[in-house]
Amino acid sequence: MKSLSMLLLLSACDPLPTTVTMSGTVGDTPYGGGGVVAGATIDIVDDALASIDSQTADDAGAFSVSVPAGVPFFVTVAAEGYVPTAFSGTAGINDFEAPDGYPWVASDAWFAALRAEFAACPTVNATGAVVAGEVRGNIPGTPYTDLPLVATGSVRAFGEGEIEYPACYLDDAGVSVADAAQVGDTGRFVIFGVPPGPIVVDVRYVDPAGDEPVQLFRFVAPEDGFVPIYPALVEAL
């Protein structure tokens, strides 16, 4: 009983943290390996959309922000000449370094090229946020770019009120098409005209057994901003 009493006393004296520190570098391309963005603003909100922290990256793109410990949080990165770009994450109870390529912010030119690439999409000119990414199979410990593309994936987003926003896709040769039903060999998708605020992105695919598993991803879409999901992970095929 003495050891149990000591454990309880130590627990009472050393409560779990409510926030931890996430450090990293703001990049300008998905997957990392590109340039850095100096002076970007990083805003953190919790699962209830309450503000947790806001910091500005230094001249080398480096930053350090407080994020909620042990629960989901949402990140928005903004900088002049770039489209506000949003991410989600979950922290443990210790300070940590963000992985290479997280977060990044899309340049105006990169964003314009994305729209041009999906020019046949019926909603390409819709106002609102844009969600885009690649559907890949999840193999733990494998670099993002080595994960297998999932050609049978289909994607849609839901805003408040359960309003559905369907995705557009490229064909197997990487050409924009207006009426494709799934991602094809490129694994890529885009959703235009998503309202700002909380959204759920529904990613499903046909597995070898013919079933259609579903993965759900939660984000907070910035107004006229961008939500990249590179990759949108599903269970490995």
Protein backbone atom coordinates (compact mmCIF):
# COMPACT_ATOMS: atom_id res chain seq x y z
CA MET A 1 0.00 0.00 0.00
CA LYS A 2 2.93 2.31 0.65
CA SER A 3 4.07 2.15 -3.00
CA LEU A 4 0.50 2.75 -4.21
CA SER A 5 0.20 5.79 -1.94
CA MET A 6 3.48 7.13 -3.29
CA LEU A 7 2.29 6.62 -6.89
CA LEU A 8 -0.94 8.49 -6.19
CA LEU A 9 1.01 11.31 -4.55
CA LEU A 10 3.37 11.61 -7.52
CA SER A 11 0.43 11.59 -9.93
CA ALA A 12 -1.26 14.37 -8.01
CA CYS A 13 1.93 16.44 -8.06
CA ASP A 14 2.67 15.90 -11.74
CA PRO A 15 -0.57 16.28 -13.75
CA LEU A 16 -0.59 15.57 -17.46
CA PRO A 17 0.05 18.64 -19.65
CA THR A 18 -2.85 20.34 -21.40
CA THR A 19 -0.59 21.63 -24.19
CA VAL A 20 2.73 20.60 -25.71
CA THR A 21 5.11 22.36 -28.09
CA MET A 22 5.25 21.52 -31.79
CA SER A 23 8.32 22.80 -33.60
CA GLY A 24 9.00 22.67 -37.31
CA THR A 25 9.64 24.50 -40.56
CA VAL A 26 7.03 25.86 -42.97
CA GLY A 27 7.65 24.54 -46.49
CA ASP A 28 6.23 25.45 -49.88
CA THR A 29 5.56 22.00 -51.38
CA PRO A 30 3.85 18.78 -50.28
CA TYR A 31 6.12 15.98 -49.02
CA GLY A 32 8.89 18.46 -48.13
CA GLY A 33 12.09 18.84 -50.12
CA GLY A 34 11.13 22.26 -51.52
CA GLY A 35 11.81 25.75 -50.22
CA VAL A 36 10.89 27.34 -46.89
CA VAL A 37 8.45 30.19 -46.25
CA ALA A 38 9.71 33.01 -44.06
CA GLY A 39 7.30 35.00 -41.91
CA ALA A 40 4.33 32.66 -42.28
CA THR A 41 1.63 32.86 -39.61
CA ILE A 42 0.70 29.58 -37.92
CA ASP A 43 -2.68 29.48 -36.14
CA ILE A 44 -3.75 26.59 -33.89
CA VAL A 45 -7.31 25.80 -32.79
CA ASP A 46 -8.54 22.84 -30.76
CA ASP A 47 -11.30 20.35 -31.46
CA ALA A 48 -13.89 22.87 -30.24
CA LEU A 49 -12.36 25.50 -32.58
CA ALA A 50 -11.06 27.55 -29.64
CA SER A 51 -7.83 29.42 -30.35
CA ILE A 52 -4.77 27.82 -28.72
CA ASP A 53 -1.80 29.68 -30.19
CA SER A 54 -0.64 31.87 -33.06
CA GLN A 55 3.01 32.36 -33.99
CA THR A 56 5.07 33.73 -36.87
CA ALA A 57 7.80 31.68 -38.54
CA ASP A 58 11.28 33.23 -38.61
CA ASP A 59 13.37 34.03 -41.70
CA ALA A 60 14.28 30.33 -42.04
CA GLY A 61 10.62 29.26 -41.86
CA ALA A 62 11.14 27.81 -38.36
CA PHE A 63 8.35 28.01 -35.79
CA SER A 64 7.33 26.72 -32.37
CA VAL A 65 3.67 26.65 -31.29
CA SER A 66 1.56 25.24 -28.48
CA VAL A 67 -0.92 22.52 -29.47
CA PRO A 68 -3.44 20.59 -27.33
CA ALA A 69 -2.00 17.49 -25.68
CA GLY A 70 -3.59 14.15 -26.50
CA VAL A 71 -6.48 15.45 -28.60
CA PRO A 72 -7.00 16.51 -32.24
CA PHE A 73 -6.05 20.03 -33.28
CA PHE A 74 -6.18 22.08 -36.48
CA VAL A 75 -3.48 24.22 -38.11
CA THR A 76 -3.82 27.05 -40.63
CA VAL A 77 -0.74 28.55 -42.29
CA ALA A 78 -0.88 31.87 -44.14
CA ALA A 79 1.68 34.12 -45.82
CA GLU A 80 1.72 36.90 -48.40
CA GLY A 81 1.70 35.41 -51.90
CA TYR A 82 0.30 32.11 -50.63
CA VAL A 83 -3.16 30.57 -50.20
CA PRO A 84 -4.17 29.91 -46.54
CA THR A 85 -3.51 26.19 -46.10
CA ALA A 86 -5.04 23.95 -43.41
CA PHE A 87 -4.01 20.72 -41.70
CA SER A 88 -5.13 18.53 -38.81
CA GLY A 89 -3.07 16.60 -36.29
CA THR A 90 -2.98 14.87 -32.93
CA ALA A 91 -0.25 15.33 -30.32
CA GLY A 92 0.87 13.13 -27.46
CA ILE A 93 1.93 14.44 -24.05
CA ASN A 94 5.50 15.38 -25.00
CA ASP A 95 6.96 18.21 -27.06
CA PHE A 96 7.73 17.08 -30.61
CA GLU A 97 9.11 18.02 -34.02
CA ALA A 98 6.65 18.18 -36.92
CA PRO A 99 7.55 15.73 -39.72
CA ASP A 100 9.33 16.99 -42.82
CA GLY A 101 6.86 18.71 -45.13
CA TYR A 102 4.33 19.49 -42.37
CA PRO A 103 3.01 22.09 -42.47
CA TRP A 104 3.41 23.66 -45.88
CA VAL A 105 1.59 26.50 -47.59
CA ALA A 106 0.52 26.59 -51.25
CA SER A 107 1.81 29.47 -53.36
CA ASP A 108 -0.60 31.41 -55.56
CA ALA A 109 1.19 29.97 -58.61
CA TRP A 110 0.98 26.38 -57.31
CA PHE A 111 -2.72 26.86 -56.59
CA ALA A 112 -3.40 28.33 -60.04
CA ALA A 113 -1.63 25.34 -61.63
CA LEU A 114 -3.86 22.99 -59.63
CA ARG A 115 -7.00 24.69 -60.96
CA ALA A 116 -5.63 24.53 -64.51
CA GLU A 117 -4.82 20.84 -64.13
CA PHE A 118 -8.46 20.09 -63.19
CA ALA A 119 -9.94 22.52 -65.73
CA ALA A 120 -12.67 20.09 -66.89
CA CYS A 121 -14.18 19.86 -63.40
CA PRO A 122 -17.72 21.36 -63.48
CA THR A 123 -17.07 23.22 -60.20
CA VAL A 124 -13.58 24.52 -61.03
CA ASN A 125 -14.75 28.16 -60.82
CA ALA A 126 -16.79 27.74 -57.62
CA THR A 127 -15.93 30.10 -54.77
CA GLY A 128 -14.84 28.71 -51.42
CA ALA A 129 -12.07 26.46 -50.17
CA VAL A 130 -10.41 23.71 -52.19
CA VAL A 131 -9.60 20.19 -50.95
CA ALA A 132 -7.06 18.19 -52.96
CA GLY A 133 -4.76 15.23 -52.53
CA GLU A 134 -3.79 11.69 -53.43
CA VAL A 135 -5.34 8.43 -52.22
CA ARG A 136 -2.56 6.05 -51.12
CA GLY A 137 -2.38 2.82 -49.17
CA ASN A 138 -1.05 3.04 -45.62
CA ILE A 139 2.12 1.02 -44.99
CA PRO A 140 3.64 2.10 -41.65
CA GLY A 141 7.25 3.24 -41.86
CA THR A 142 7.12 3.83 -45.63
CA PRO A 143 7.94 7.31 -47.05
CA TYR A 144 4.89 9.13 -48.42
CA THR A 145 6.07 9.03 -52.02
CA ASP A 146 6.66 5.26 -51.87
CA LEU A 147 3.15 4.42 -50.65
CA PRO A 148 1.02 2.71 -53.32
CA LEU A 149 -1.54 4.80 -55.18
CA VAL A 150 -5.11 3.50 -54.84
CA ALA A 151 -6.84 3.70 -58.24
CA THR A 152 -10.27 2.66 -56.88
CA GLY A 153 -10.60 5.60 -54.47
CA SER A 154 -13.51 8.04 -54.48
CA VAL A 155 -13.76 11.20 -52.37
CA ARG A 156 -16.36 13.68 -51.16
CA ALA A 157 -16.52 16.37 -48.50
CA PHE A 158 -19.32 17.26 -46.13
CA GLY A 159 -19.80 20.71 -44.65
CA GLU A 160 -22.16 21.82 -41.94
CA GLY A 161 -25.71 20.63 -42.54
CA GLU A 162 -24.36 17.44 -44.18
CA ILE A 163 -24.18 19.18 -47.56
CA GLU A 164 -22.13 17.00 -49.92
CA TYR A 165 -19.34 18.33 -52.16
CA PRO A 166 -18.17 15.69 -54.68
CA ALA A 167 -14.64 15.40 -56.02
CA CYS A 168 -13.28 15.64 -59.54
CA TYR A 169 -10.56 13.36 -60.88
CA LEU A 170 -7.95 12.89 -63.58
CA ASP A 171 -8.02 10.00 -66.03
CA ASP A 172 -5.33 7.31 -66.01
CA ALA A 173 -3.14 9.51 -68.22
CA GLY A 174 -3.46 12.46 -65.84
CA VAL A 175 -5.94 14.46 -67.95
CA SER A 176 -8.85 16.29 -66.29
CA VAL A 177 -12.26 14.72 -66.92
CA ALA A 178 -15.71 16.01 -66.05
CA ASP A 179 -17.53 12.84 -65.05
CA ALA A 180 -15.03 10.30 -63.66
CA ALA A 181 -16.22 8.28 -60.65
CA GLN A 182 -12.87 7.48 -59.04
CA VAL A 183 -9.27 8.61 -58.87
CA GLY A 184 -7.73 6.22 -61.41
CA ASP A 185 -4.02 5.51 -61.76
CA THR A 186 -2.89 8.94 -60.56
CA GLY A 187 -4.69 8.58 -57.22
CA ARG A 188 -5.45 12.30 -57.38
CA PHE A 189 -8.61 14.26 -56.60
CA VAL A 190 -9.83 17.81 -56.01
CA ILE A 191 -13.00 19.30 -54.51
CA PHE A 192 -13.83 22.93 -55.34
CA GLY A 193 -16.28 25.24 -53.56
CA VAL A 194 -16.11 23.87 -50.02
CA PRO A 195 -17.51 26.28 -47.38
CA PRO A 196 -15.20 27.60 -44.65
CA GLY A 197 -15.38 25.92 -41.25
CA PRO A 198 -15.46 22.31 -40.05
CA ILE A 199 -15.57 19.70 -42.81
CA VAL A 200 -15.36 15.92 -43.02
CA VAL A 201 -13.61 14.36 -46.03
CA ASP A 202 -14.94 10.88 -46.87
CA VAL A 203 -12.42 8.68 -48.70
CA ARG A 204 -13.52 5.21 -49.76
CA TYR A 205 -12.12 2.57 -52.09
CA VAL A 206 -12.83 -0.93 -53.39
CA ASP A 207 -10.58 -3.49 -51.69
CA PRO A 208 -9.52 -6.88 -53.11
CA ALA A 209 -12.52 -8.55 -51.45
CA GLY A 210 -14.91 -6.19 -53.24
CA ASP A 211 -15.79 -4.31 -50.05
CA GLU A 212 -15.80 -0.50 -49.80
CA PRO A 213 -13.98 0.58 -46.62
CA VAL A 214 -14.25 4.25 -45.61
CA GLN A 215 -11.71 6.59 -44.02
CA LEU A 216 -12.91 9.91 -42.58
CA PHE A 217 -10.66 12.97 -42.23
CA ARG A 218 -11.65 16.08 -40.24
CA PHE A 219 -10.40 19.57 -41.07
CA VAL A 220 -11.25 23.21 -40.62
CA ALA A 221 -11.33 24.76 -44.10
CA PRO A 222 -10.03 28.35 -44.32
CA GLU A 223 -12.14 30.89 -46.20
CA ASP A 224 -11.02 30.80 -49.85
CA GLY A 225 -8.21 28.54 -48.66
CA PHE A 226 -6.78 25.12 -49.29
CA VAL A 227 -6.94 21.75 -47.53
CA PRO A 228 -4.25 19.39 -48.89
CA ILE A 229 -4.38 15.67 -48.11
CA TYR A 230 -1.06 14.37 -49.42
CA PRO A 231 -1.58 11.50 -48.87
CA ALA A 232 -5.18 10.61 -48.02
CA LEU A 233 -4.32 7.31 -46.37
CA VAL A 234 -6.50 4.20 -46.54
CA GLU A 235 -5.65 0.78 -45.21
CA ALA A 236 -2.98 -0.94 -47.29
CA LEU A 237 -4.40 -3.13 -50.04
